[in-house]
Amino acid sequence: LEEYEPNVSPHATKIFINGVWVGVHRDPTQLVSVVKKLRRDGTLSPEMSLIRDVRDREFKIFTDAGRVCRPLFIIDDDPFSPNKGNLALTREHIDKLEADQEIDVSGLSDEERQEKRYGWQGLLHSGVVEYMDAEE
């Protein structure tokens, strides 16, 4: 990074992780899309913040503790999806949540309960809900 010259790649976007400049990327739209997809499918932590500043050509990833995040429902923005523009939450997700009410979890540990139930973690891992930082 010490040898990085902005005039060589004038349209490159700087990448920061927890405030530390770690590199540049020539296709930030694709990068942000892939990282968001990885966060939504559970590969990356749902608590990480992804902030793209188009004007300053910066993409910031925050994983540190202490940030205020709120859960929000996801809107399907896939241009090829028949559900485009609608909530990613479907009747199937609601049915799984309703089925959770019928599961007997008495006598089970917290970990066993989470395995048996779909619940909040199921919504997060299905990409229906995600945590959003105030800056996102």
Protein backbone atom coordinates (compact mmCIF):
# COMPACT_ATOMS: atom_id res chain seq x y z
CA LEU A 1 0.00 0.00 0.00
CA GLU A 2 2.95 2.29 0.51
CA GLU A 3 3.62 2.00 -3.21
CA TYR A 4 0.00 2.63 -4.24
CA GLU A 5 -0.33 5.48 -6.72
CA PRO A 6 -3.87 6.82 -7.18
CA ASN A 7 -3.15 8.04 -10.71
CA VAL A 8 -2.47 4.43 -11.85
CA SER A 9 -6.01 3.36 -10.85
CA PRO A 10 -7.96 6.60 -10.48
CA HIS A 11 -11.33 4.83 -10.12
CA ALA A 12 -10.21 2.20 -7.58
CA THR A 13 -11.96 2.08 -4.22
CA LYS A 14 -9.99 1.96 -0.98
CA ILE A 15 -10.88 -0.93 1.35
CA PHE A 16 -10.77 -0.41 5.13
CA ILE A 17 -11.26 -3.01 7.87
CA ASN A 18 -11.90 -1.55 11.32
CA GLY A 19 -10.36 1.74 10.16
CA VAL A 20 -7.18 0.21 8.75
CA TRP A 21 -6.53 0.62 5.03
CA VAL A 22 -5.93 -2.91 3.71
CA GLY A 23 -6.09 -2.48 -0.06
CA VAL A 24 -7.88 -1.22 -3.14
CA HIS A 25 -10.39 -2.82 -5.50
CA ARG A 26 -11.26 -1.94 -9.08
CA ASP A 27 -14.85 -3.26 -9.01
CA PRO A 28 -16.37 -2.11 -5.71
CA THR A 29 -19.97 -2.81 -6.79
CA GLN A 30 -19.16 -6.48 -7.29
CA LEU A 31 -17.10 -6.63 -4.08
CA VAL A 32 -19.86 -5.10 -1.94
CA SER A 33 -22.43 -7.42 -3.51
CA VAL A 34 -20.35 -10.53 -2.77
CA VAL A 35 -19.54 -9.50 0.81
CA LYS A 36 -23.22 -8.70 1.51
CA LYS A 37 -24.24 -12.06 0.08
CA LEU A 38 -21.68 -13.82 2.31
CA ARG A 39 -23.01 -11.93 5.34
CA ARG A 40 -26.60 -12.82 4.48
CA ASP A 41 -25.93 -16.53 3.97
CA GLY A 42 -24.12 -16.84 7.30
CA THR A 43 -20.58 -17.30 5.97
CA LEU A 44 -19.59 -13.97 7.52
CA SER A 45 -20.80 -12.66 10.87
CA PRO A 46 -24.22 -10.99 10.68
CA GLU A 47 -22.98 -8.29 13.07
CA MET A 48 -20.35 -6.85 10.72
CA SER A 49 -21.06 -3.47 9.13
CA LEU A 50 -20.51 -2.84 5.43
CA ILE A 51 -20.37 0.82 4.44
CA ARG A 52 -19.70 1.93 0.88
CA ASP A 53 -18.97 5.60 0.33
CA VAL A 54 -19.27 6.13 -3.43
CA ARG A 55 -18.28 9.79 -3.31
CA ASP A 56 -15.02 9.17 -1.42
CA ARG A 57 -14.47 5.81 -3.19
CA GLU A 58 -14.18 3.90 0.08
CA PHE A 59 -15.57 0.58 1.31
CA LYS A 60 -15.43 0.18 5.08
CA ILE A 61 -15.93 -3.08 6.96
CA PHE A 62 -16.37 -2.90 10.73
CA THR A 63 -16.27 -6.00 12.92
CA ASP A 64 -15.45 -4.39 16.26
CA ALA A 65 -17.77 -4.50 19.27
CA GLY A 66 -19.84 -1.64 20.61
CA ARG A 67 -21.55 -0.51 17.41
CA VAL A 68 -25.30 0.08 17.51
CA CYS A 69 -27.00 -2.18 14.97
CA ARG A 70 -30.68 -2.79 14.35
CA PRO A 71 -32.38 -5.72 12.62
CA LEU A 72 -34.14 -4.98 9.35
CA PHE A 73 -36.03 -7.13 6.88
CA ILE A 74 -34.31 -7.63 3.53
CA ILE A 75 -35.86 -6.48 0.26
CA ASP A 76 -35.02 -8.77 -2.67
CA ASP A 77 -32.93 -6.66 -5.06
CA ASP A 78 -31.83 -9.44 -7.43
CA PRO A 79 -32.72 -8.14 -10.92
CA PHE A 80 -33.43 -11.69 -12.13
CA SER A 81 -35.64 -12.69 -9.20
CA PRO A 82 -39.42 -12.90 -9.67
CA ASN A 83 -39.66 -11.54 -6.11
CA LYS A 84 -37.62 -8.38 -6.92
CA GLY A 85 -38.72 -5.37 -4.89
CA ASN A 86 -40.54 -7.44 -2.27
CA LEU A 87 -39.59 -8.71 1.16
CA ALA A 88 -37.28 -11.73 1.15
CA LEU A 89 -39.51 -13.07 3.94
CA THR A 90 -41.87 -15.67 2.46
CA ARG A 91 -44.75 -17.79 3.68
CA GLU A 92 -42.27 -20.67 4.11
CA HIS A 93 -40.32 -18.65 6.68
CA ILE A 94 -43.52 -17.82 8.57
CA ASP A 95 -44.55 -21.50 8.51
CA LYS A 96 -41.18 -22.50 9.99
CA LEU A 97 -41.60 -19.94 12.77
CA GLU A 98 -45.12 -21.21 13.48
CA ALA A 99 -43.84 -24.80 13.53
CA ASP A 100 -41.36 -23.75 16.23
CA GLN A 101 -44.33 -23.30 18.59
CA GLU A 102 -45.12 -27.03 18.33
CA ILE A 103 -41.59 -28.22 19.16
CA ASP A 104 -41.15 -29.49 22.71
CA VAL A 105 -37.85 -28.10 23.96
CA SER A 106 -38.33 -28.79 27.66
CA GLY A 107 -35.24 -30.29 29.21
CA LEU A 108 -32.99 -29.27 26.31
CA SER A 109 -29.90 -27.10 26.60
CA ASP A 110 -29.80 -23.71 24.87
CA GLU A 111 -27.65 -25.15 22.06
CA GLU A 112 -30.05 -28.06 21.50
CA ARG A 113 -33.00 -25.65 21.42
CA GLN A 114 -31.30 -23.54 18.76
CA GLU A 115 -30.63 -26.65 16.66
CA LYS A 116 -34.25 -27.80 16.83
CA ARG A 117 -35.86 -24.42 16.26
CA TYR A 118 -35.75 -22.22 13.18
CA GLY A 119 -36.25 -18.97 15.11
CA TRP A 120 -34.30 -15.76 14.84
CA GLN A 121 -31.05 -17.48 13.82
CA GLY A 122 -32.92 -19.21 11.00
CA LEU A 123 -34.12 -15.85 9.70
CA LEU A 124 -30.57 -14.46 9.86
CA HIS A 125 -29.01 -17.47 8.10
CA SER A 126 -31.75 -17.49 5.45
CA GLY A 127 -30.92 -13.90 4.54
CA VAL A 128 -34.37 -12.62 5.49
CA VAL A 129 -33.18 -10.31 8.27
CA GLU A 130 -29.85 -8.56 8.69
CA TYR A 131 -28.33 -6.24 11.24
CA MET A 132 -27.66 -2.76 9.93
CA ASP A 133 -25.29 -0.19 11.39
CA ALA A 134 -26.53 3.40 11.59
CA GLU A 135 -24.02 4.34 8.84
CA GLU A 136 -25.13 1.66 6.38
